[in-house]
Amino acid sequence: MDAKAVGQRIKAAREKKHLTQEDLAALIEISPTHMSVIERGAKIPRMDTFVAIANVLEVSVDSLLVDVADYAAGSVASELSAAIEDLPHDEKMRVLKVVNALLEK
């Protein structure tokens, strides 16, 4: 498992919610030092801690594990959908053309 990549995604999600490590640690009832260790990828959190992090950050667990779990592909589709959701129609169509071009063999 690429613990560093997972930790970086946790950090990015935390920053997106405008939370400090201390804030997140308090919300999931762990020490700020432990939160730092998780974000640096030095230690993989226990499952209950990992789920608590995802719940507080309002992200799916598979979005944090997207390059670790073989079956997290739904998360990639969700991220792509969210990224283009607010685009104007013509830009959405341009993205669709690019995706179709990439999928052609």
PDB file of N, CA and C in Angstrom:
ATOM      1  N   MET A   1       0.846  -1.184   0.000  1.00  0.00           N
ATOM      2  CA  MET A   1       0.000   0.000   0.000  1.00  0.00           C
ATOM      3  C   MET A   1       0.886   1.240   0.000  1.00  0.00           C
ATOM      4  N   ASP A   2       0.520   2.212  -0.795  1.00  0.00           N
ATOM      5  CA  ASP A   2       1.257   3.474  -0.843  1.00  0.00           C
ATOM      6  C   ASP A   2       0.697   4.404   0.231  1.00  0.00           C
ATOM      7  N   ALA A   3       1.193   4.242   1.441  1.00  0.00           N
ATOM      8  CA  ALA A   3       0.690   5.006   2.580  1.00  0.00           C
ATOM      9  C   ALA A   3       0.916   6.505   2.403  1.00  0.00           C
ATOM     10  N   LYS A   4       2.003   6.861   1.719  1.00  0.00           N
ATOM     11  CA  LYS A   4       2.272   8.292   1.492  1.00  0.00           C
ATOM     12  C   LYS A   4       1.200   8.911   0.598  1.00  0.00           C
ATOM     13  N   ALA A   5       0.813   8.202  -0.456  1.00  0.00           N
ATOM     14  CA  ALA A   5      -0.220   8.717  -1.360  1.00  0.00           C
ATOM     15  C   ALA A   5      -1.551   8.853  -0.639  1.00  0.00           C
ATOM     16  N   VAL A   6      -1.887   7.863   0.173  1.00  0.00           N
ATOM     17  CA  VAL A   6      -3.132   7.913   0.941  1.00  0.00           C
ATOM     18  C   VAL A   6      -3.083   9.093   1.915  1.00  0.00           C
ATOM     19  N   GLY A   7      -1.961   9.253   2.594  1.00  0.00           N
ATOM     20  CA  GLY A   7      -1.793  10.369   3.527  1.00  0.00           C
ATOM     21  C   GLY A   7      -1.913  11.717   2.836  1.00  0.00           C
ATOM     22  N   GLN A   8      -1.371  11.816   1.627  1.00  0.00           N
ATOM     23  CA  GLN A   8      -1.467  13.073   0.874  1.00  0.00           C
ATOM     24  C   GLN A   8      -2.902  13.376   0.494  1.00  0.00           C
ATOM     25  N   ARG A   9      -3.670  12.335   0.141  1.00  0.00           N
ATOM     26  CA  ARG A   9      -5.084  12.557  -0.196  1.00  0.00           C
ATOM     27  C   ARG A   9      -5.885  12.960   1.040  1.00  0.00           C
ATOM     28  N   ILE A  10      -5.554  12.382   2.182  1.00  0.00           N
ATOM     29  CA  ILE A  10      -6.214  12.783   3.431  1.00  0.00           C
ATOM     30  C   ILE A  10      -5.904  14.248   3.714  1.00  0.00           C
ATOM     31  N   LYS A  11      -4.647  14.624   3.570  1.00  0.00           N
ATOM     32  CA  LYS A  11      -4.237  16.013   3.813  1.00  0.00           C
ATOM     33  C   LYS A  11      -4.974  16.962   2.870  1.00  0.00           C
ATOM     34  N   ALA A  12      -5.038  16.615   1.593  1.00  0.00           N
ATOM     35  CA  ALA A  12      -5.710  17.472   0.609  1.00  0.00           C
ATOM     36  C   ALA A  12      -7.194  17.630   0.954  1.00  0.00           C
ATOM     37  N   ALA A  13      -7.842  16.535   1.345  1.00  0.00           N
ATOM     38  CA  ALA A  13      -9.259  16.600   1.712  1.00  0.00           C
ATOM     39  C   ALA A  13      -9.444  17.436   2.975  1.00  0.00           C
ATOM     40  N   ARG A  14      -8.519  17.301   3.915  1.00  0.00           N
ATOM     41  CA  ARG A  14      -8.592  18.092   5.153  1.00  0.00           C
ATOM     42  C   ARG A  14      -8.449  19.574   4.845  1.00  0.00           C
ATOM     43  N   GLU A  15      -7.489  19.913   4.014  1.00  0.00           N
ATOM     44  CA  GLU A  15      -7.268  21.322   3.664  1.00  0.00           C
ATOM     45  C   GLU A  15      -8.454  21.885   2.886  1.00  0.00           C
ATOM     46  N   LYS A  16      -9.076  21.061   2.062  1.00  0.00           N
ATOM     47  CA  LYS A  16     -10.256  21.507   1.312  1.00  0.00           C
ATOM     48  C   LYS A  16     -11.395  21.878   2.257  1.00  0.00           C
ATOM     49  N   LYS A  17     -11.462  21.199   3.407  1.00  0.00           N
ATOM     50  CA  LYS A  17     -12.486  21.493   4.416  1.00  0.00           C
ATOM     51  C   LYS A  17     -12.036  22.605   5.372  1.00  0.00           C
ATOM     52  N   HIS A  18     -10.854  23.172   5.119  1.00  0.00           N
ATOM     53  CA  HIS A  18     -10.294  24.253   5.946  1.00  0.00           C
ATOM     54  C   HIS A  18     -10.112  23.823   7.396  1.00  0.00           C
ATOM     55  N   LEU A  19      -9.638  22.595   7.567  1.00  0.00           N
ATOM     56  CA  LEU A  19      -9.357  22.072   8.897  1.00  0.00           C
ATOM     57  C   LEU A  19      -7.851  21.957   9.103  1.00  0.00           C
ATOM     58  N   THR A  20      -7.404  22.202  10.313  1.00  0.00           N
ATOM     59  CA  THR A  20      -6.003  21.941  10.655  1.00  0.00           C
ATOM     60  C   THR A  20      -5.894  20.476  11.057  1.00  0.00           C
ATOM     61  N   GLN A  21      -4.661  19.993  11.159  1.00  0.00           N
ATOM     62  CA  GLN A  21      -4.463  18.637  11.657  1.00  0.00           C
ATOM     63  C   GLN A  21      -5.043  18.505  13.063  1.00  0.00           C
ATOM     64  N   GLU A  22      -4.871  19.545  13.851  1.00  0.00           N
ATOM     65  CA  GLU A  22      -5.381  19.524  15.218  1.00  0.00           C
ATOM     66  C   GLU A  22      -6.907  19.431  15.231  1.00  0.00           C
ATOM     67  N   ASP A  23      -7.561  20.186  14.332  1.00  0.00           N
ATOM     68  CA  ASP A  23      -9.027  20.143  14.239  1.00  0.00           C
ATOM     69  C   ASP A  23      -9.502  18.731  13.897  1.00  0.00           C
ATOM     70  N   LEU A  24      -8.905  18.161  12.859  1.00  0.00           N
ATOM     71  CA  LEU A  24      -9.315  16.827  12.425  1.00  0.00           C
ATOM     72  C   LEU A  24      -9.038  15.795  13.515  1.00  0.00           C
ATOM     73  N   ALA A  25      -7.879  15.891  14.117  1.00  0.00           N
ATOM     74  CA  ALA A  25      -7.528  14.951  15.191  1.00  0.00           C
ATOM     75  C   ALA A  25      -8.558  15.012  16.321  1.00  0.00           C
ATOM     76  N   ALA A  26      -8.955  16.209  16.697  1.00  0.00           N
ATOM     77  CA  ALA A  26      -9.939  16.369  17.772  1.00  0.00           C
ATOM     78  C   ALA A  26     -11.289  15.775  17.367  1.00  0.00           C
ATOM     79  N   LEU A  27     -11.678  15.972  16.117  1.00  0.00           N
ATOM     80  CA  LEU A  27     -12.974  15.467  15.652  1.00  0.00           C
ATOM     81  C   LEU A  27     -13.038  13.940  15.628  1.00  0.00           C
ATOM     82  N   ILE A  28     -11.880  13.297  15.402  1.00  0.00           N
ATOM     83  CA  ILE A  28     -11.884  11.828  15.362  1.00  0.00           C
ATOM     84  C   ILE A  28     -11.245  11.219  16.610  1.00  0.00           C
ATOM     85  N   GLU A  29     -10.942  12.093  17.559  1.00  0.00           N
ATOM     86  CA  GLU A  29     -10.458  11.680  18.870  1.00  0.00           C
ATOM     87  C   GLU A  29      -9.149  10.893  18.826  1.00  0.00           C
ATOM     88  N   ILE A  30      -8.171  11.459  18.092  1.00  0.00           N
ATOM     89  CA  ILE A  30      -6.802  10.952  18.127  1.00  0.00           C
ATOM     90  C   ILE A  30      -5.896  12.141  18.412  1.00  0.00           C
ATOM     91  N   SER A  31      -4.629  11.883  18.678  1.00  0.00           N
ATOM     92  CA  SER A  31      -3.708  12.980  18.959  1.00  0.00           C
ATOM     93  C   SER A  31      -3.292  13.659  17.653  1.00  0.00           C
ATOM     94  N   PRO A  32      -2.960  14.952  17.722  1.00  0.00           N
ATOM     95  CA  PRO A  32      -2.456  15.639  16.529  1.00  0.00           C
ATOM     96  C   PRO A  32      -1.185  14.978  15.991  1.00  0.00           C
ATOM     97  N   THR A  33      -0.378  14.427  16.872  1.00  0.00           N
ATOM     98  CA  THR A  33       0.841  13.741  16.436  1.00  0.00           C
ATOM     99  C   THR A  33       0.486  12.517  15.601  1.00  0.00           C
ATOM    100  N   HIS A  34      -0.506  11.765  16.048  1.00  0.00           N
ATOM    101  CA  HIS A  34      -0.952  10.586  15.293  1.00  0.00           C
ATOM    102  C   HIS A  34      -1.500  11.012  13.931  1.00  0.00           C
ATOM    103  N   MET A  35      -2.261  12.111  13.884  1.00  0.00           N
ATOM    104  CA  MET A  35      -2.788  12.613  12.611  1.00  0.00           C
ATOM    105  C   MET A  35      -1.647  12.966  11.667  1.00  0.00           C
ATOM    106  N   SER A  36      -0.619  13.593  12.200  1.00  0.00           N
ATOM    107  CA  SER A  36       0.545  13.957  11.395  1.00  0.00           C
ATOM    108  C   SER A  36       1.237  12.716  10.826  1.00  0.00           C
ATOM    109  N   VAL A  37       1.358  11.694  11.651  1.00  0.00           N
ATOM    110  CA  VAL A  37       1.989  10.442  11.224  1.00  0.00           C
ATOM    111  C   VAL A  37       1.188   9.814  10.078  1.00  0.00           C
ATOM    112  N   ILE A  38      -0.131   9.852  10.182  1.00  0.00           N
ATOM    113  CA  ILE A  38      -1.001   9.298   9.134  1.00  0.00           C
ATOM    114  C   ILE A  38      -0.832  10.087   7.842  1.00  0.00           C
ATOM    115  N   GLU A  39      -0.876  11.414   7.926  1.00  0.00           N
ATOM    116  CA  GLU A  39      -0.769  12.240   6.718  1.00  0.00           C
ATOM    117  C   GLU A  39       0.598  12.119   6.047  1.00  0.00           C
ATOM    118  N   ARG A  40       1.628  11.894   6.824  1.00  0.00           N
ATOM    119  CA  ARG A  40       2.963  11.716   6.248  1.00  0.00           C
ATOM    120  C   ARG A  40       3.135  10.335   5.634  1.00  0.00           C
ATOM    121  N   GLY A  41       2.214   9.441   5.924  1.00  0.00           N
ATOM    122  CA  GLY A  41       2.303   8.091   5.391  1.00  0.00           C
ATOM    123  C   GLY A  41       3.257   7.212   6.167  1.00  0.00           C
ATOM    124  N   ALA A  42       3.620   7.646   7.372  1.00  0.00           N
ATOM    125  CA  ALA A  42       4.535   6.860   8.193  1.00  0.00           C
ATOM    126  C   ALA A  42       3.818   5.686   8.859  1.00  0.00           C
ATOM    127  N   LYS A  43       2.499   5.799   8.979  1.00  0.00           N
ATOM    128  CA  LYS A  43       1.710   4.732   9.602  1.00  0.00           C
ATOM    129  C   LYS A  43       0.339   4.684   8.956  1.00  0.00           C
ATOM    130  N   ILE A  44      -0.144   3.488   8.731  1.00  0.00           N
ATOM    131  CA  ILE A  44      -1.486   3.301   8.190  1.00  0.00           C
ATOM    132  C   ILE A  44      -2.458   3.270   9.362  1.00  0.00           C
ATOM    133  N   PRO A  45      -3.527   4.057   9.312  1.00  0.00           N
ATOM    134  CA  PRO A  45      -4.465   4.079  10.442  1.00  0.00           C
ATOM    135  C   PRO A  45      -5.268   2.785  10.535  1.00  0.00           C
ATOM    136  N   ARG A  46      -5.763   2.504  11.720  1.00  0.00           N
ATOM    137  CA  ARG A  46      -6.681   1.388  11.902  1.00  0.00           C
ATOM    138  C   ARG A  46      -7.936   1.670  11.083  1.00  0.00           C
ATOM    139  N   MET A  47      -8.666   0.633  10.784  1.00  0.00           N
ATOM    140  CA  MET A  47      -9.859   0.774   9.942  1.00  0.00           C
ATOM    141  C   MET A  47     -10.857   1.761  10.542  1.00  0.00           C
ATOM    142  N   ASP A  48     -11.116   1.678  11.847  1.00  0.00           N
ATOM    143  CA  ASP A  48     -12.098   2.579  12.441  1.00  0.00           C
ATOM    144  C   ASP A  48     -11.636   4.030  12.371  1.00  0.00           C
ATOM    145  N   THR A  49     -10.349   4.254  12.518  1.00  0.00           N
ATOM    146  CA  THR A  49      -9.802   5.608  12.403  1.00  0.00           C
ATOM    147  C   THR A  49      -9.906   6.100  10.963  1.00  0.00           C
ATOM    148  N   PHE A  50      -9.586   5.207  10.024  1.00  0.00           N
ATOM    149  CA  PHE A  50      -9.647   5.562   8.607  1.00  0.00           C
ATOM    150  C   PHE A  50     -11.070   5.941   8.196  1.00  0.00           C
ATOM    151  N   VAL A  51     -12.040   5.168   8.630  1.00  0.00           N
ATOM    152  CA  VAL A  51     -13.445   5.450   8.310  1.00  0.00           C
ATOM    153  C   VAL A  51     -13.884   6.756   8.972  1.00  0.00           C
ATOM    154  N   ALA A  52     -13.445   6.990  10.202  1.00  0.00           N
ATOM    155  CA  ALA A  52     -13.783   8.241  10.886  1.00  0.00           C
ATOM    156  C   ALA A  52     -13.217   9.442  10.130  1.00  0.00           C
ATOM    157  N   ILE A  53     -11.995   9.316   9.641  1.00  0.00           N
ATOM    158  CA  ILE A  53     -11.383  10.399   8.852  1.00  0.00           C
ATOM    159  C   ILE A  53     -12.231  10.677   7.617  1.00  0.00           C
ATOM    160  N   ALA A  54     -12.576   9.627   6.879  1.00  0.00           N
ATOM    161  CA  ALA A  54     -13.379   9.795   5.657  1.00  0.00           C
ATOM    162  C   ALA A  54     -14.728  10.426   5.975  1.00  0.00           C
ATOM    163  N   ASN A  55     -15.361   9.996   7.056  1.00  0.00           N
ATOM    164  CA  ASN A  55     -16.672  10.541   7.424  1.00  0.00           C
ATOM    165  C   ASN A  55     -16.586  12.020   7.780  1.00  0.00           C
ATOM    166  N   VAL A  56     -15.604  12.396   8.580  1.00  0.00           N
ATOM    167  CA  VAL A  56     -15.456  13.804   8.974  1.00  0.00           C
ATOM    168  C   VAL A  56     -15.137  14.667   7.755  1.00  0.00           C
ATOM    169  N   LEU A  57     -14.305  14.144   6.854  1.00  0.00           N
ATOM    170  CA  LEU A  57     -13.916  14.917   5.673  1.00  0.00           C
ATOM    171  C   LEU A  57     -14.970  14.853   4.568  1.00  0.00           C
ATOM    172  N   GLU A  58     -15.997  14.024   4.784  1.00  0.00           N
ATOM    173  CA  GLU A  58     -17.085  13.858   3.813  1.00  0.00           C
ATOM    174  C   GLU A  58     -16.564  13.425   2.448  1.00  0.00           C
ATOM    175  N   VAL A  59     -15.677  12.411   2.477  1.00  0.00           N
ATOM    176  CA  VAL A  59     -15.154  11.809   1.252  1.00  0.00           C
ATOM    177  C   VAL A  59     -15.364  10.305   1.346  1.00  0.00           C
ATOM    178  N   SER A  60     -15.401   9.651   0.213  1.00  0.00           N
ATOM    179  CA  SER A  60     -15.549   8.201   0.233  1.00  0.00           C
ATOM    180  C   SER A  60     -14.204   7.557   0.561  1.00  0.00           C
ATOM    181  N   VAL A  61     -14.277   6.418   1.201  1.00  0.00           N
ATOM    182  CA  VAL A  61     -13.061   5.684   1.530  1.00  0.00           C
ATOM    183  C   VAL A  61     -12.315   5.313   0.251  1.00  0.00           C
ATOM    184  N   ASP A  62     -13.051   4.900  -0.788  1.00  0.00           N
ATOM    185  CA  ASP A  62     -12.356   4.503  -2.012  1.00  0.00           C
ATOM    186  C   ASP A  62     -11.683   5.689  -2.703  1.00  0.00           C
ATOM    187  N   SER A  63     -12.159   6.905  -2.478  1.00  0.00           N
ATOM    188  CA  SER A  63     -11.460   8.056  -3.070  1.00  0.00           C
ATOM    189  C   SER A  63     -10.105   8.262  -2.408  1.00  0.00           C
ATOM    190  N   LEU A  64      -9.975   7.853  -1.160  1.00  0.00           N
ATOM    191  CA  LEU A  64      -8.682   7.940  -0.478  1.00  0.00           C
ATOM    192  C   LEU A  64      -7.767   6.789  -0.871  1.00  0.00           C
ATOM    193  N   LEU A  65      -8.360   5.681  -1.314  1.00  0.00           N
ATOM    194  CA  LEU A  65      -7.594   4.491  -1.671  1.00  0.00           C
ATOM    195  C   LEU A  65      -7.543   4.251  -3.180  1.00  0.00           C
ATOM    196  N   VAL A  66      -7.866   5.242  -3.971  1.00  0.00           N
ATOM    197  CA  VAL A  66      -8.088   5.054  -5.404  1.00  0.00           C
ATOM    198  C   VAL A  66      -6.941   4.352  -6.125  1.00  0.00           C
ATOM    199  N   ASP A  67      -5.699   4.597  -5.772  1.00  0.00           N
ATOM    200  CA  ASP A  67      -4.611   3.914  -6.474  1.00  0.00           C
ATOM    201  C   ASP A  67      -4.105   2.706  -5.693  1.00  0.00           C
ATOM    202  N   VAL A  68      -4.791   2.364  -4.626  1.00  0.00           N
ATOM    203  CA  VAL A  68      -4.413   1.221  -3.807  1.00  0.00           C
ATOM    204  C   VAL A  68      -5.353   0.054  -4.062  1.00  0.00           C
ATOM    205  N   ALA A  69      -6.656   0.334  -4.094  1.00  0.00           N
ATOM    206  CA  ALA A  69      -7.665  -0.711  -4.265  1.00  0.00           C
ATOM    207  C   ALA A  69      -7.980  -0.913  -5.742  1.00  0.00           C
ATOM    208  N   ASP A  70      -7.989  -2.166  -6.162  1.00  0.00           N
ATOM    209  CA  ASP A  70      -8.274  -2.473  -7.564  1.00  0.00           C
ATOM    210  C   ASP A  70      -9.693  -2.107  -7.973  1.00  0.00           C
ATOM    211  N   TYR A  71     -10.623  -2.069  -7.037  1.00  0.00           N
ATOM    212  CA  TYR A  71     -12.021  -1.840  -7.376  1.00  0.00           C
ATOM    213  C   TYR A  71     -12.521  -0.482  -6.913  1.00  0.00           C
ATOM    214  N   ALA A  72     -11.641   0.518  -6.925  1.00  0.00           N
ATOM    215  CA  ALA A  72     -12.024   1.870  -6.543  1.00  0.00           C
ATOM    216  C   ALA A  72     -12.304   2.732  -7.764  1.00  0.00           C
ATOM    217  N   ALA A  73     -12.485   2.115  -8.908  1.00  0.00           N
ATOM    218  CA  ALA A  73     -12.676   2.852 -10.154  1.00  0.00           C
ATOM    219  C   ALA A  73     -13.913   3.729 -10.137  1.00  0.00           C
ATOM    220  N   GLY A  74     -14.938   3.340  -9.390  1.00  0.00           N
ATOM    221  CA  GLY A  74     -16.138   4.162  -9.298  1.00  0.00           C
ATOM    222  C   GLY A  74     -15.826   5.529  -8.753  1.00  0.00           C
ATOM    223  N   SER A  75     -14.834   5.597  -7.896  1.00  0.00           N
ATOM    224  CA  SER A  75     -14.419   6.869  -7.327  1.00  0.00           C
ATOM    225  C   SER A  75     -13.837   7.776  -8.394  1.00  0.00           C
ATOM    226  N   VAL A  76     -13.076   7.197  -9.314  1.00  0.00           N
ATOM    227  CA  VAL A  76     -12.496   7.990 -10.395  1.00  0.00           C
ATOM    228  C   VAL A  76     -13.609   8.591 -11.241  1.00  0.00           C
ATOM    229  N   ALA A  77     -14.612   7.799 -11.549  1.00  0.00           N
ATOM    230  CA  ALA A  77     -15.747   8.301 -12.325  1.00  0.00           C
ATOM    231  C   ALA A  77     -16.478   9.402 -11.568  1.00  0.00           C
ATOM    232  N   SER A  78     -16.627   9.223 -10.273  1.00  0.00           N
ATOM    233  CA  SER A  78     -17.289  10.244  -9.457  1.00  0.00           C
ATOM    234  C   SER A  78     -16.489  11.540  -9.437  1.00  0.00           C
ATOM    235  N   GLU A  79     -15.169  11.415  -9.297  1.00  0.00           N
ATOM    236  CA  GLU A  79     -14.322  12.608  -9.296  1.00  0.00           C
ATOM    237  C   GLU A  79     -14.413  13.329 -10.637  1.00  0.00           C
ATOM    238  N   LEU A  80     -14.382  12.572 -11.722  1.00  0.00           N
ATOM    239  CA  LEU A  80     -14.482  13.168 -13.054  1.00  0.00           C
ATOM    240  C   LEU A  80     -15.826  13.869 -13.218  1.00  0.00           C
ATOM    241  N   SER A  81     -16.882  13.220 -12.803  1.00  0.00           N
ATOM    242  CA  SER A  81     -18.209  13.810 -12.896  1.00  0.00           C
ATOM    243  C   SER A  81     -18.295  15.106 -12.095  1.00  0.00           C
ATOM    244  N   ALA A  82     -17.767  15.090 -10.882  1.00  0.00           N
ATOM    245  CA  ALA A  82     -17.799  16.291 -10.040  1.00  0.00           C
ATOM    246  C   ALA A  82     -16.972  17.416 -10.661  1.00  0.00           C
ATOM    247  N   ALA A  83     -15.856  17.048 -11.287  1.00  0.00           N
ATOM    248  CA  ALA A  83     -14.978  18.054 -11.873  1.00  0.00           C
ATOM    249  C   ALA A  83     -15.633  18.780 -13.046  1.00  0.00           C
ATOM    250  N   ILE A  84     -16.471  18.090 -13.796  1.00  0.00           N
ATOM    251  CA  ILE A  84     -17.080  18.722 -14.970  1.00  0.00           C
ATOM    252  C   ILE A  84     -18.502  19.212 -14.734  1.00  0.00           C
ATOM    253  N   GLU A  85     -19.045  18.916 -13.573  1.00  0.00           N
ATOM    254  CA  GLU A  85     -20.449  19.232 -13.274  1.00  0.00           C
ATOM    255  C   GLU A  85     -20.815  20.691 -13.529  1.00  0.00           C
ATOM    256  N   ASP A  86     -19.971  21.613 -13.123  1.00  0.00           N
ATOM    257  CA  ASP A  86     -20.302  23.033 -13.222  1.00  0.00           C
ATOM    258  C   ASP A  86     -19.787  23.701 -14.499  1.00  0.00           C
ATOM    259  N   LEU A  87     -19.206  22.913 -15.391  1.00  0.00           N
ATOM    260  CA  LEU A  87     -18.712  23.490 -16.642  1.00  0.00           C
ATOM    261  C   LEU A  87     -19.885  23.845 -17.556  1.00  0.00           C
ATOM    262  N   PRO A  88     -19.684  24.866 -18.382  1.00  0.00           N
ATOM    263  CA  PRO A  88     -20.707  25.160 -19.397  1.00  0.00           C
ATOM    264  C   PRO A  88     -20.829  23.981 -20.375  1.00  0.00           C
ATOM    265  N   HIS A  89     -21.966  23.875 -21.017  1.00  0.00           N
ATOM    266  CA  HIS A  89     -22.252  22.745 -21.906  1.00  0.00           C
ATOM    267  C   HIS A  89     -21.165  22.547 -22.959  1.00  0.00           C
ATOM    268  N   ASP A  90     -20.711  23.616 -23.587  1.00  0.00           N
ATOM    269  CA  ASP A  90     -19.706  23.471 -24.662  1.00  0.00           C
ATOM    270  C   ASP A  90     -18.391  22.909 -24.119  1.00  0.00           C
ATOM    271  N   GLU A  91     -18.028  23.274 -22.893  1.00  0.00           N
ATOM    272  CA  GLU A  91     -16.800  22.729 -22.305  1.00  0.00           C
ATOM    273  C   GLU A  91     -16.980  21.264 -21.915  1.00  0.00           C
ATOM    274  N   LYS A  92     -18.175  20.911 -21.465  1.00  0.00           N
ATOM    275  CA  LYS A  92     -18.459  19.504 -21.169  1.00  0.00           C
ATOM    276  C   LYS A  92     -18.304  18.668 -22.435  1.00  0.00           C
ATOM    277  N   MET A  93     -18.811  19.190 -23.551  1.00  0.00           N
ATOM    278  CA  MET A  93     -18.717  18.462 -24.811  1.00  0.00           C
ATOM    279  C   MET A  93     -17.263  18.323 -25.248  1.00  0.00           C
ATOM    280  N   ARG A  94     -16.455  19.343 -24.990  1.00  0.00           N
ATOM    281  CA  ARG A  94     -15.031  19.280 -25.326  1.00  0.00           C
ATOM    282  C   ARG A  94     -14.339  18.200 -24.493  1.00  0.00           C
ATOM    283  N   VAL A  95     -14.669  18.121 -23.213  1.00  0.00           N
ATOM    284  CA  VAL A  95     -14.104  17.082 -22.340  1.00  0.00           C
ATOM    285  C   VAL A  95     -14.521  15.704 -22.846  1.00  0.00           C
ATOM    286  N   LEU A  96     -15.786  15.563 -23.226  1.00  0.00           N
ATOM    287  CA  LEU A  96     -16.274  14.291 -23.746  1.00  0.00           C
ATOM    288  C   LEU A  96     -15.503  13.876 -25.002  1.00  0.00           C
ATOM    289  N   LYS A  97     -15.235  14.821 -25.898  1.00  0.00           N
ATOM    290  CA  LYS A  97     -14.473  14.514 -27.115  1.00  0.00           C
ATOM    291  C   LYS A  97     -13.065  14.044 -26.778  1.00  0.00           C
ATOM    292  N   VAL A  98     -12.448  14.681 -25.797  1.00  0.00           N
ATOM    293  CA  VAL A  98     -11.095  14.284 -25.394  1.00  0.00           C
ATOM    294  C   VAL A  98     -11.108  12.872 -24.812  1.00  0.00           C
ATOM    295  N   VAL A  99     -12.086  12.588 -23.953  1.00  0.00           N
ATOM    296  CA  VAL A  99     -12.192  11.257 -23.357  1.00  0.00           C
ATOM    297  C   VAL A  99     -12.424  10.215 -24.448  1.00  0.00           C
ATOM    298  N   ASN A 100     -13.325  10.510 -25.366  1.00  0.00           N
ATOM    299  CA  ASN A 100     -13.571   9.569 -26.470  1.00  0.00           C
ATOM    300  C   ASN A 100     -12.327   9.340 -27.297  1.00  0.00           C
ATOM    301  N   ALA A 101     -11.555  10.379 -27.549  1.00  0.00           N
ATOM    302  CA  ALA A 101     -10.308  10.243 -28.312  1.00  0.00           C
ATOM    303  C   ALA A 101      -9.306   9.384 -27.555  1.00  0.00           C
ATOM    304  N   LEU A 102      -9.243   9.545 -26.260  1.00  0.00           N
ATOM    305  CA  LEU A 102      -8.323   8.730 -25.457  1.00  0.00           C
ATOM    306  C   LEU A 102      -8.722   7.260 -25.424  1.00  0.00           C
ATOM    307  N   LEU A 103     -10.017   7.009 -25.507  1.00  0.00           N
ATOM    308  CA  LEU A 103     -10.508   5.628 -25.446  1.00  0.00           C
ATOM    309  C   LEU A 103     -10.410   4.896 -26.774  1.00  0.00           C
ATOM    310  N   GLU A 104     -10.251   5.627 -27.867  1.00  0.00           N
ATOM    311  CA  GLU A 104     -10.120   4.998 -29.187  1.00  0.00           C
ATOM    312  C   GLU A 104      -8.788   4.267 -29.249  1.00  0.00           C
ATOM    313  N   LYS A 105      -8.814   3.129 -29.889  1.00  0.00           N
ATOM    314  CA  LYS A 105      -7.579   2.331 -29.960  1.00  0.00           C
ATOM    315  C   LYS A 105      -7.026   2.296 -31.340  1.00  0.00           C
TER     316      LYS A 105
END
